N, C-alpha and C. Protein backbone atom coordinates (compact mmCIF):
# COMPACT_ATOMS: atom_id res chain seq x y z
N MET A 1 24.45 -129.38 64.09
CA MET A 1 24.15 -130.62 63.06
C MET A 1 25.19 -131.67 63.52
N THR A 2 25.70 -132.74 63.30
CA THR A 2 26.74 -133.40 62.85
C THR A 2 27.48 -133.69 61.92
N PRO A 3 28.48 -133.97 62.02
CA PRO A 3 29.62 -134.16 60.96
C PRO A 3 28.71 -135.03 59.57
N GLU A 4 28.06 -136.16 60.50
CA GLU A 4 27.62 -137.41 59.71
C GLU A 4 26.60 -136.82 58.74
N ILE A 5 25.67 -135.86 59.48
CA ILE A 5 24.56 -135.58 58.89
C ILE A 5 24.44 -134.47 58.03
N GLU A 6 25.51 -133.24 57.89
CA GLU A 6 25.97 -132.46 57.05
C GLU A 6 26.61 -133.01 56.00
N LYS A 7 27.56 -134.48 56.28
CA LYS A 7 28.11 -134.91 54.75
C LYS A 7 26.45 -135.74 54.26
N GLN A 8 25.70 -136.19 54.96
CA GLN A 8 24.45 -136.73 54.08
C GLN A 8 23.43 -135.71 53.37
N ASN A 9 23.65 -134.59 54.17
CA ASN A 9 22.57 -133.25 53.25
C ASN A 9 23.69 -132.79 52.01
N GLN A 10 24.69 -132.65 52.07
CA GLN A 10 25.49 -132.31 51.00
C GLN A 10 25.46 -133.41 49.80
N VAL A 11 25.58 -134.57 50.02
CA VAL A 11 25.15 -135.75 49.09
C VAL A 11 23.82 -135.44 48.77
N LEU A 12 23.11 -135.16 49.64
CA LEU A 12 21.52 -135.15 48.82
C LEU A 12 21.25 -134.32 48.20
N ASP A 13 21.94 -133.15 48.34
CA ASP A 13 21.56 -131.85 47.55
C ASP A 13 22.35 -132.31 46.43
N ALA A 14 23.54 -132.48 46.45
CA ALA A 14 24.34 -132.58 45.05
C ALA A 14 23.53 -134.01 44.10
N ALA A 15 22.92 -134.98 44.86
CA ALA A 15 22.52 -135.98 44.15
C ALA A 15 20.88 -135.55 43.40
N LEU A 16 20.47 -134.61 44.04
CA LEU A 16 19.07 -133.92 43.55
C LEU A 16 19.23 -132.97 42.49
N GLU A 17 20.69 -132.72 42.54
CA GLU A 17 20.94 -131.90 41.15
C GLU A 17 21.56 -132.96 40.01
N VAL A 18 22.33 -133.82 40.30
CA VAL A 18 22.50 -134.52 39.37
C VAL A 18 21.60 -135.81 38.87
N PHE A 19 20.39 -135.57 39.66
CA PHE A 19 19.34 -136.53 39.11
C PHE A 19 18.50 -135.74 38.11
N LEU A 20 18.57 -134.49 38.73
CA LEU A 20 17.32 -133.82 37.70
C LEU A 20 18.12 -133.70 36.22
N ARG A 21 19.41 -133.54 36.70
CA ARG A 21 20.27 -133.40 35.15
C ARG A 21 20.27 -134.37 34.39
N TYR A 22 20.61 -135.47 34.92
CA TYR A 22 21.32 -136.64 34.15
C TYR A 22 19.72 -137.75 34.17
N GLY A 23 18.87 -137.74 35.26
CA GLY A 23 18.19 -138.68 35.02
C GLY A 23 18.72 -139.66 36.07
N PHE A 24 17.57 -140.53 36.80
CA PHE A 24 18.51 -141.62 37.59
C PHE A 24 19.68 -142.75 36.94
N LYS A 25 19.15 -143.10 35.81
CA LYS A 25 19.90 -144.31 35.38
C LYS A 25 21.08 -143.89 34.96
N LYS A 26 21.12 -142.40 34.24
CA LYS A 26 22.85 -142.45 33.62
C LYS A 26 23.35 -141.55 34.49
N ALA A 27 22.63 -141.14 35.62
CA ALA A 27 23.64 -140.55 37.08
C ALA A 27 24.57 -141.61 37.69
N THR A 28 25.46 -141.43 38.12
CA THR A 28 26.54 -142.00 38.37
C THR A 28 27.10 -142.09 39.88
N MET A 29 27.65 -143.08 40.53
CA MET A 29 27.92 -142.49 42.18
C MET A 29 29.24 -141.17 41.58
N GLY A 30 29.98 -141.71 40.56
CA GLY A 30 30.83 -140.51 40.57
C GLY A 30 30.62 -139.36 40.43
N ASP A 31 29.33 -139.29 39.49
CA ASP A 31 28.51 -137.66 39.26
C ASP A 31 28.23 -136.90 40.56
N ILE A 32 27.69 -137.92 41.34
CA ILE A 32 27.30 -137.61 42.79
C ILE A 32 28.50 -136.83 43.64
N ALA A 33 29.44 -137.67 43.77
CA ALA A 33 30.46 -137.76 44.41
C ALA A 33 31.04 -136.22 43.74
N ASP A 34 31.25 -136.26 42.27
CA ASP A 34 31.89 -134.71 42.53
C ASP A 34 31.10 -133.84 42.30
N LYS A 35 29.67 -134.02 42.32
CA LYS A 35 29.05 -132.54 42.67
C LYS A 35 29.35 -132.13 43.98
N ALA A 36 28.94 -133.13 45.07
CA ALA A 36 29.44 -133.37 46.55
C ALA A 36 30.58 -132.93 46.92
N GLY A 37 31.78 -132.71 46.30
CA GLY A 37 32.75 -132.34 46.65
C GLY A 37 33.64 -133.34 47.01
N MET A 38 33.46 -134.74 47.00
CA MET A 38 34.18 -136.00 47.74
C MET A 38 34.46 -136.89 47.12
N SER A 39 35.42 -137.64 47.06
CA SER A 39 36.08 -139.10 46.34
C SER A 39 34.56 -139.95 46.53
N ARG A 40 34.64 -140.79 45.50
CA ARG A 40 33.67 -142.01 45.55
C ARG A 40 33.82 -142.69 46.58
N PRO A 41 34.96 -143.22 47.06
CA PRO A 41 35.05 -144.09 48.35
C PRO A 41 34.42 -143.08 49.45
N SER A 42 34.64 -141.85 50.00
CA SER A 42 33.89 -141.29 51.17
C SER A 42 32.68 -141.14 50.49
N LEU A 43 32.05 -141.43 49.33
CA LEU A 43 30.86 -141.31 49.52
C LEU A 43 30.32 -142.56 49.85
N TYR A 44 30.61 -143.57 49.45
CA TYR A 44 30.15 -145.06 49.44
C TYR A 44 30.62 -144.87 51.56
N LEU A 45 31.18 -144.16 52.00
CA LEU A 45 31.14 -144.26 53.27
C LEU A 45 29.49 -143.85 54.01
N VAL A 46 28.95 -143.07 53.06
CA VAL A 46 27.58 -142.15 53.60
C VAL A 46 26.72 -142.95 52.89
N PHE A 47 26.54 -143.53 51.74
CA PHE A 47 25.62 -144.47 51.03
C PHE A 47 26.14 -145.29 50.42
N ALA A 48 25.54 -146.54 50.55
CA ALA A 48 25.74 -147.91 49.83
C ALA A 48 25.85 -148.10 48.44
N ASN A 49 25.09 -147.13 48.10
CA ASN A 49 24.52 -147.40 46.28
C ASN A 49 23.59 -146.08 46.02
N LYS A 50 23.43 -145.86 44.71
CA LYS A 50 22.78 -144.70 44.01
C LYS A 50 21.41 -144.86 44.20
N GLU A 51 20.71 -146.36 44.75
CA GLU A 51 19.16 -146.35 45.48
C GLU A 51 18.96 -145.83 46.46
N ASP A 52 20.32 -146.04 47.16
CA ASP A 52 19.66 -145.36 48.67
C ASP A 52 19.80 -144.25 48.78
N ILE A 53 20.63 -143.83 48.10
CA ILE A 53 21.04 -142.20 47.85
C ILE A 53 19.40 -141.37 47.10
N PHE A 54 19.07 -142.41 46.40
CA PHE A 54 17.43 -141.69 45.58
C PHE A 54 16.54 -141.66 46.96
N ARG A 55 16.31 -142.86 47.48
CA ARG A 55 15.35 -143.15 48.38
C ARG A 55 15.45 -141.94 49.39
N ALA A 56 16.81 -141.43 49.71
CA ALA A 56 16.56 -140.46 50.68
C ALA A 56 16.60 -139.36 50.15
N VAL A 57 16.84 -138.88 49.14
CA VAL A 57 16.50 -137.71 48.56
C VAL A 57 14.65 -137.65 48.84
N ILE A 58 14.41 -138.75 48.52
CA ILE A 58 12.49 -138.53 48.42
C ILE A 58 12.21 -138.63 50.04
N THR A 59 12.98 -139.34 50.59
CA THR A 59 12.41 -138.97 52.14
C THR A 59 12.81 -137.62 52.74
N ARG A 60 13.76 -137.05 52.16
CA ARG A 60 14.15 -135.65 52.60
C ARG A 60 13.41 -134.66 52.34
N LYS A 61 12.74 -134.88 50.84
CA LYS A 61 11.54 -133.78 50.17
C LYS A 61 10.36 -134.16 51.32
N GLU A 62 9.88 -135.16 51.23
CA GLU A 62 8.93 -135.33 52.17
C GLU A 62 8.99 -134.62 53.56
N GLU A 63 9.72 -134.55 54.19
CA GLU A 63 10.12 -134.01 55.36
C GLU A 63 10.42 -132.59 54.93
N GLU A 64 10.63 -131.85 54.04
CA GLU A 64 10.56 -130.86 54.22
C GLU A 64 9.28 -130.26 53.31
N PHE A 65 8.58 -131.11 52.76
CA PHE A 65 7.39 -130.60 52.46
C PHE A 65 6.17 -130.26 53.57
N CYS A 66 6.45 -131.24 54.73
CA CYS A 66 5.67 -131.18 55.51
C CYS A 66 6.08 -129.81 56.66
N GLN A 67 7.05 -129.49 56.20
CA GLN A 67 7.66 -128.59 56.99
C GLN A 67 7.54 -126.71 56.61
N GLU A 68 7.45 -127.33 55.44
CA GLU A 68 7.06 -126.39 54.36
C GLU A 68 5.23 -125.80 54.60
N THR A 69 4.62 -127.08 54.75
CA THR A 69 3.25 -126.59 54.82
C THR A 69 3.03 -126.11 56.25
N ASP A 70 3.66 -126.67 57.25
CA ASP A 70 3.30 -126.14 58.59
C ASP A 70 3.80 -124.25 58.41
N ARG A 71 4.85 -124.09 57.88
CA ARG A 71 5.26 -122.95 57.71
C ARG A 71 4.25 -121.56 56.88
N LYS A 72 3.41 -122.26 56.17
CA LYS A 72 2.54 -121.64 55.34
C LYS A 72 1.20 -121.60 55.96
N PHE A 73 1.20 -122.74 57.05
CA PHE A 73 -0.36 -122.74 57.58
C PHE A 73 -0.55 -121.23 58.32
N LEU A 74 1.19 -121.44 59.22
CA LEU A 74 0.94 -120.21 60.26
C LEU A 74 0.66 -118.76 59.91
N GLN A 75 0.47 -118.53 58.33
CA GLN A 75 0.26 -117.58 57.66
C GLN A 75 -0.92 -117.57 56.64
N CYS A 76 -1.85 -118.68 56.70
CA CYS A 76 -3.13 -118.71 56.36
C CYS A 76 -4.25 -118.40 57.37
N SER A 77 -5.42 -117.77 56.65
CA SER A 77 -6.28 -117.22 57.29
C SER A 77 -7.85 -118.19 57.44
N GLY A 78 -7.88 -118.68 56.07
CA GLY A 78 -8.80 -119.81 55.70
C GLY A 78 -8.94 -120.93 55.19
N LEU A 79 -9.73 -121.49 54.78
CA LEU A 79 -9.60 -122.97 54.49
C LEU A 79 -8.95 -122.97 52.62
N ARG A 80 -9.28 -122.12 52.00
CA ARG A 80 -9.15 -121.84 50.76
C ARG A 80 -7.40 -121.92 51.12
N GLU A 81 -6.97 -120.93 51.67
CA GLU A 81 -5.57 -120.48 51.64
C GLU A 81 -4.84 -121.74 52.26
N ARG A 82 -5.31 -122.44 53.09
CA ARG A 82 -4.45 -124.03 53.80
C ARG A 82 -4.46 -125.02 52.89
N LEU A 83 -5.98 -125.31 51.73
CA LEU A 83 -5.91 -126.05 51.02
C LEU A 83 -4.63 -125.87 49.76
N THR A 84 -4.62 -124.23 49.31
CA THR A 84 -3.76 -123.96 48.53
C THR A 84 -2.55 -124.11 48.88
N ALA A 85 -2.26 -123.73 50.35
CA ALA A 85 -0.67 -123.92 50.57
C ALA A 85 -0.09 -125.42 50.66
N VAL A 86 -1.32 -126.44 51.17
CA VAL A 86 -1.01 -128.01 51.09
C VAL A 86 -0.60 -128.53 49.27
N LEU A 87 -1.24 -127.84 48.48
CA LEU A 87 -1.14 -128.04 46.92
C LEU A 87 -0.01 -127.45 46.62
N GLU A 88 0.08 -126.29 47.02
CA GLU A 88 1.41 -125.72 46.10
C GLU A 88 2.60 -126.30 46.43
N THR A 89 2.78 -126.66 47.96
CA THR A 89 3.85 -127.54 48.32
C THR A 89 4.03 -128.90 47.70
N TRP A 90 2.80 -129.40 48.06
CA TRP A 90 2.89 -130.78 47.30
C TRP A 90 3.00 -131.35 46.45
N ILE A 91 2.24 -130.32 45.42
CA ILE A 91 1.93 -130.35 43.99
C ILE A 91 2.73 -129.93 42.99
N LEU A 92 2.85 -128.45 43.04
CA LEU A 92 3.04 -127.55 42.20
C LEU A 92 4.58 -127.21 42.44
N GLU A 93 4.95 -127.29 43.33
CA GLU A 93 6.39 -126.73 43.55
C GLU A 93 7.31 -128.18 43.19
N PRO A 94 6.97 -129.01 43.37
CA PRO A 94 8.11 -130.26 42.91
C PRO A 94 7.92 -130.43 41.19
N PHE A 95 6.57 -130.26 40.88
CA PHE A 95 6.08 -130.49 39.31
C PHE A 95 7.15 -129.33 39.10
N THR A 96 6.95 -128.22 38.90
CA THR A 96 7.89 -127.21 38.56
C THR A 96 9.06 -127.61 38.72
N LEU A 97 9.63 -128.15 39.70
CA LEU A 97 11.19 -128.18 39.49
C LEU A 97 11.56 -129.16 38.45
N VAL A 98 10.70 -130.59 39.08
CA VAL A 98 10.93 -131.35 37.89
C VAL A 98 10.93 -131.54 36.39
N SER A 99 9.90 -130.36 36.06
CA SER A 99 9.14 -130.37 34.85
C SER A 99 10.43 -129.61 34.20
N ALA A 100 11.51 -129.11 34.51
CA ALA A 100 12.37 -128.13 33.93
C ALA A 100 13.07 -129.10 33.89
N SER A 101 13.81 -130.14 34.17
CA SER A 101 14.37 -131.02 33.95
C SER A 101 14.42 -131.92 32.59
N PRO A 102 15.24 -132.06 31.94
CA PRO A 102 15.00 -132.52 30.63
C PRO A 102 14.94 -134.31 30.93
N GLN A 103 15.23 -134.95 31.77
CA GLN A 103 14.97 -135.98 32.65
C GLN A 103 13.74 -136.44 33.48
N ALA A 104 13.07 -135.28 33.34
CA ALA A 104 11.63 -135.40 34.30
C ALA A 104 11.04 -136.63 34.33
N GLU A 105 10.42 -136.83 32.55
CA GLU A 105 9.82 -138.58 32.70
C GLU A 105 10.63 -139.25 33.08
N GLU A 106 11.87 -139.47 33.01
CA GLU A 106 12.40 -140.81 33.46
C GLU A 106 12.35 -141.29 35.19
N ILE A 107 12.65 -139.45 35.61
CA ILE A 107 12.65 -139.56 36.80
C ILE A 107 11.44 -139.79 38.01
N LEU A 108 10.11 -139.54 37.42
CA LEU A 108 8.79 -139.93 37.73
C LEU A 108 8.59 -141.13 37.51
N GLU A 109 9.00 -142.06 36.47
CA GLU A 109 8.68 -143.13 36.01
C GLU A 109 9.41 -143.96 37.19
N PHE A 110 10.71 -143.68 37.46
CA PHE A 110 11.54 -144.29 38.00
C PHE A 110 11.01 -144.45 39.53
N ALA A 111 10.54 -143.13 40.08
CA ALA A 111 10.27 -143.41 41.80
C ALA A 111 8.86 -144.02 41.36
N TYR A 112 8.13 -143.79 40.61
CA TYR A 112 7.13 -145.01 40.63
C TYR A 112 7.38 -146.30 40.72
N THR A 113 8.23 -146.78 39.83
CA THR A 113 8.45 -148.56 39.68
C THR A 113 9.44 -148.71 40.94
N PHE A 114 10.33 -148.03 41.01
CA PHE A 114 11.59 -148.34 42.00
C PHE A 114 11.13 -148.16 43.43
N ALA A 115 10.08 -146.96 43.94
CA ALA A 115 10.31 -146.59 45.53
C ALA A 115 8.61 -146.54 45.73
N PRO A 116 8.04 -147.75 45.39
CA PRO A 116 6.36 -147.31 45.31
C PRO A 116 5.61 -147.23 46.79
N ASP A 117 6.87 -147.55 47.58
CA ASP A 117 6.13 -147.43 49.18
C ASP A 117 6.85 -146.35 49.74
N LEU A 118 7.68 -145.46 49.01
CA LEU A 118 8.08 -144.07 49.46
C LEU A 118 6.80 -143.06 48.71
N ARG A 119 6.48 -143.43 47.60
CA ARG A 119 5.06 -142.91 46.97
C ARG A 119 3.83 -143.11 47.78
N LYS A 120 3.68 -144.20 48.54
CA LYS A 120 2.75 -144.15 49.22
C LYS A 120 2.69 -143.36 50.40
N GLN A 121 3.90 -143.52 51.10
CA GLN A 121 4.33 -142.58 52.43
C GLN A 121 4.07 -141.39 52.14
N MET A 122 4.75 -141.03 51.09
CA MET A 122 4.50 -139.37 50.54
C MET A 122 2.67 -138.83 50.24
N LEU A 123 2.14 -139.88 49.92
CA LEU A 123 0.72 -139.84 49.58
C LEU A 123 -0.11 -139.45 50.86
N GLU A 124 0.30 -140.26 52.13
CA GLU A 124 -0.34 -140.86 53.19
C GLU A 124 0.06 -139.06 53.75
N SER A 125 1.19 -138.66 53.75
CA SER A 125 1.68 -137.63 54.42
C SER A 125 0.84 -136.32 53.91
N MET A 126 0.82 -136.39 52.63
CA MET A 126 0.38 -134.98 52.15
C MET A 126 -1.35 -135.32 52.31
N GLU A 127 -2.02 -136.39 52.20
CA GLU A 127 -3.09 -136.68 52.70
C GLU A 127 -3.82 -136.07 54.26
N SER A 128 -2.74 -136.15 55.17
CA SER A 128 -2.60 -135.89 56.72
C SER A 128 -2.46 -134.14 56.62
N LYS A 129 -1.62 -133.76 55.87
CA LYS A 129 -1.68 -132.22 55.73
C LYS A 129 -3.20 -131.86 55.27
N LEU A 130 -3.84 -132.18 54.10
CA LEU A 130 -4.88 -132.04 53.76
C LEU A 130 -5.86 -131.81 54.83
N LEU A 131 -5.95 -133.10 55.66
CA LEU A 131 -6.82 -133.24 56.83
C LEU A 131 -6.72 -132.02 57.71
N GLU A 132 -4.95 -131.66 58.07
CA GLU A 132 -5.36 -130.49 59.05
C GLU A 132 -5.47 -129.38 58.45
N ALA A 133 -5.35 -128.99 57.12
CA ALA A 133 -6.18 -127.97 56.46
C ALA A 133 -7.50 -128.01 56.36
N MET A 134 -8.23 -128.93 56.76
CA MET A 134 -9.60 -129.34 56.89
C MET A 134 -10.15 -129.12 58.06
N SER A 135 -9.59 -129.50 59.05
CA SER A 135 -10.11 -129.99 60.13
C SER A 135 -10.00 -128.59 61.04
N VAL A 136 -10.16 -127.65 60.46
CA VAL A 136 -10.15 -125.94 61.43
C VAL A 136 -11.87 -125.50 60.43
N ASP A 137 -12.65 -125.12 61.33
CA ASP A 137 -13.53 -124.57 60.67
C ASP A 137 -13.36 -122.85 60.47
N SER A 138 -14.41 -122.14 59.71
CA SER A 138 -13.90 -120.54 59.58
C SER A 138 -13.66 -119.76 61.23
N GLN A 139 -14.62 -120.32 61.92
CA GLN A 139 -14.26 -119.44 63.63
C GLN A 139 -12.79 -120.09 64.23
N GLY A 140 -11.84 -121.49 63.29
CA GLY A 140 -10.81 -121.60 63.55
C GLY A 140 -10.96 -122.48 64.97
N ILE A 141 -12.13 -123.35 64.70
CA ILE A 141 -12.53 -124.35 66.04
C ILE A 141 -12.10 -125.58 65.14
N SER A 142 -11.70 -126.51 65.94
CA SER A 142 -11.65 -127.62 65.34
C SER A 142 -13.02 -128.29 65.09
N ASN A 143 -12.89 -129.02 64.11
CA ASN A 143 -14.23 -129.81 63.68
C ASN A 143 -13.99 -131.23 63.43
N LYS A 144 -14.26 -132.19 64.21
CA LYS A 144 -14.46 -133.71 64.37
C LYS A 144 -15.43 -134.18 63.97
N ASP A 145 -16.61 -133.59 63.64
CA ASP A 145 -18.16 -134.22 63.56
C ASP A 145 -17.88 -134.74 62.14
N ARG A 146 -17.19 -134.36 60.86
CA ARG A 146 -17.14 -134.94 60.17
C ARG A 146 -15.89 -135.51 59.40
N GLU A 147 -15.14 -136.32 60.24
CA GLU A 147 -13.64 -136.52 60.14
C GLU A 147 -13.66 -137.26 59.05
N LEU A 148 -14.85 -138.44 58.83
CA LEU A 148 -14.86 -139.57 57.85
C LEU A 148 -14.91 -138.96 56.38
N SER A 149 -16.17 -138.14 56.71
CA SER A 149 -16.22 -137.39 55.31
C SER A 149 -14.74 -136.36 54.63
N ARG A 150 -14.34 -135.93 55.72
CA ARG A 150 -12.95 -135.06 55.09
C ARG A 150 -11.89 -136.11 54.98
N THR A 151 -11.61 -137.15 55.47
CA THR A 151 -10.92 -138.66 55.31
C THR A 151 -10.93 -138.78 53.98
N VAL A 152 -12.06 -139.22 53.62
CA VAL A 152 -12.15 -139.28 52.07
C VAL A 152 -12.11 -138.17 50.90
N LEU A 153 -12.37 -137.25 51.42
CA LEU A 153 -12.00 -135.64 50.54
C LEU A 153 -10.74 -135.70 50.63
N ALA A 154 -10.00 -135.75 51.54
CA ALA A 154 -8.51 -135.52 51.57
C ALA A 154 -7.50 -136.68 50.91
N ARG A 155 -8.22 -137.72 51.08
CA ARG A 155 -7.64 -138.64 49.78
C ARG A 155 -7.99 -138.64 48.59
N LEU A 156 -9.43 -138.13 48.37
CA LEU A 156 -9.72 -137.51 47.13
C LEU A 156 -8.61 -136.59 46.21
N ILE A 157 -8.45 -135.74 46.74
CA ILE A 157 -7.68 -134.45 46.49
C ILE A 157 -6.34 -134.89 46.33
N ALA A 158 -5.68 -135.64 47.27
CA ALA A 158 -4.21 -136.17 47.07
C ALA A 158 -4.24 -136.90 45.91
N VAL A 159 -4.90 -137.52 45.90
CA VAL A 159 -4.66 -138.88 44.64
C VAL A 159 -5.27 -138.28 43.27
N SER A 160 -5.84 -137.26 43.35
CA SER A 160 -6.32 -136.51 42.05
C SER A 160 -5.37 -135.75 41.48
N THR A 161 -4.59 -134.47 42.45
CA THR A 161 -3.93 -133.70 42.12
C THR A 161 -2.08 -134.17 41.65
N ILE A 162 -2.00 -135.44 42.42
CA ILE A 162 -0.89 -136.29 42.13
C ILE A 162 -1.04 -136.70 40.47
N GLU A 163 -2.24 -137.60 40.21
CA GLU A 163 -2.11 -137.92 38.90
C GLU A 163 -2.16 -136.77 37.96
N MET A 164 -2.81 -135.43 38.41
CA MET A 164 -2.55 -134.62 37.48
C MET A 164 -1.19 -134.36 36.64
N LYS A 165 -0.29 -134.53 37.48
CA LYS A 165 1.14 -134.00 37.18
C LYS A 165 1.29 -135.04 35.91
N HIS A 166 0.93 -136.23 35.66
CA HIS A 166 1.36 -137.02 34.84
C HIS A 166 0.41 -137.04 33.36
N SER A 167 -0.43 -135.61 32.91
CA SER A 167 -1.56 -135.41 32.28
C SER A 167 -1.25 -133.87 31.52
N ILE A 168 -0.14 -133.16 32.42
CA ILE A 168 -0.36 -131.26 32.39
C ILE A 168 1.31 -131.44 32.05
N ALA A 169 1.31 -130.70 31.00
CA ALA A 169 2.69 -130.26 30.47
C ALA A 169 3.60 -128.90 30.85
N LEU A 170 2.97 -128.04 31.24
CA LEU A 170 3.20 -127.00 31.64
C LEU A 170 2.78 -126.31 33.11
N PRO A 171 3.88 -125.97 34.13
CA PRO A 171 3.18 -125.35 35.56
C PRO A 171 2.31 -124.64 35.53
N SER A 172 2.23 -123.79 34.69
CA SER A 172 0.79 -122.95 34.72
C SER A 172 -0.61 -123.43 34.38
N GLU A 173 -0.47 -124.54 33.46
CA GLU A 173 -1.41 -125.58 33.28
C GLU A 173 -2.41 -125.90 34.87
N LEU A 174 -0.99 -126.55 35.63
CA LEU A 174 -1.09 -127.54 36.74
C LEU A 174 -1.85 -126.51 37.80
N GLN A 175 -1.04 -125.39 37.69
CA GLN A 175 -1.86 -124.38 39.11
C GLN A 175 -3.09 -123.96 38.60
N GLN A 176 -3.54 -123.83 37.48
CA GLN A 176 -4.84 -123.67 37.00
C GLN A 176 -5.61 -124.66 37.59
N LEU A 177 -5.47 -125.69 37.52
CA LEU A 177 -5.93 -127.10 37.65
C LEU A 177 -6.12 -127.00 39.12
N LEU A 178 -5.06 -126.66 39.74
CA LEU A 178 -4.95 -126.91 41.66
C LEU A 178 -5.90 -125.44 42.12
N GLU A 179 -6.10 -124.64 41.18
CA GLU A 179 -7.02 -123.41 41.86
C GLU A 179 -8.20 -123.55 41.73
N ALA A 180 -8.59 -124.61 40.98
CA ALA A 180 -9.61 -125.25 40.59
C ALA A 180 -10.27 -126.02 41.69
N THR A 181 -9.28 -126.85 41.96
CA THR A 181 -9.47 -127.79 43.12
C THR A 181 -9.83 -127.04 44.39
N VAL A 182 -9.08 -126.30 44.35
CA VAL A 182 -9.43 -125.72 45.93
C VAL A 182 -10.64 -125.02 46.25
N GLU A 183 -11.16 -124.35 44.58
CA GLU A 183 -12.36 -123.87 44.77
C GLU A 183 -13.33 -124.58 45.22
N VAL A 184 -13.31 -126.09 44.49
CA VAL A 184 -14.40 -127.11 44.43
C VAL A 184 -15.03 -127.54 45.71
N HIS A 185 -13.57 -127.80 45.90
CA HIS A 185 -13.74 -128.36 47.52
C HIS A 185 -13.98 -127.49 48.57
N ALA A 186 -12.90 -126.47 48.71
CA ALA A 186 -13.45 -125.46 49.70
C ALA A 186 -15.07 -125.01 49.95
N SER A 187 -15.54 -125.08 48.68
CA SER A 187 -17.17 -124.33 48.53
C SER A 187 -17.86 -125.81 49.07
N TYR A 188 -17.65 -126.88 48.72
CA TYR A 188 -18.34 -127.99 49.17
C TYR A 188 -18.46 -128.14 50.85
N LEU A 189 -17.02 -128.06 51.10
CA LEU A 189 -17.01 -128.01 52.48
C LEU A 189 -17.59 -126.85 53.59
N GLU A 190 -17.51 -125.57 52.86
CA GLU A 190 -18.03 -124.39 53.34
C GLU A 190 -19.53 -124.67 53.61
N LYS A 191 -20.07 -125.31 52.63
CA LYS A 191 -21.55 -125.52 52.51
C LYS A 191 -21.63 -126.13 53.15
N ARG A 192 -21.30 -127.09 53.91
CA ARG A 192 -21.52 -128.50 54.60
C ARG A 192 -21.40 -127.57 56.12
N ASP A 193 -20.41 -127.01 56.14
CA ASP A 193 -20.33 -126.48 57.74
C ASP A 193 -20.99 -125.52 57.85
């Protein structure tokens, strides 16, 4: 890893903690620099402003979610496990992380209003992982015949589970709804196979 990448990662790790603690509006470049163990001028050499840092945090989280989903897929033996792996990684884990923050509502609101392009990109990546989860039938053979219906189903799961986060207060409630989502959609898919 190059020194530049190491510094960026150091800043992004610190920024995530600062955003979760103070929210986006109250977090300052000074807070992020202090948490990252660097001076403000050094921080400005890595990122031009707080908005760029926020966008980079979201982009890095998307990459981490993709990698984590791929790791979980290696341990999954069936459709339900694969769908659960996607929903735990993309919905439950981030919700649990953000909901522990006193600034959760402000962070989510800012992410939706400030970075709608990144929200769309995250949604598309999640849908891609859902399609990947659904593209293997019970015998492990790729099943391309129902691609369109699976594409629509992946979109339905992605959009509905992302929106669940706005009406649920506790991670345990969200997990219960995600489990029901997996059961309903897996049953539907298995009946069609």
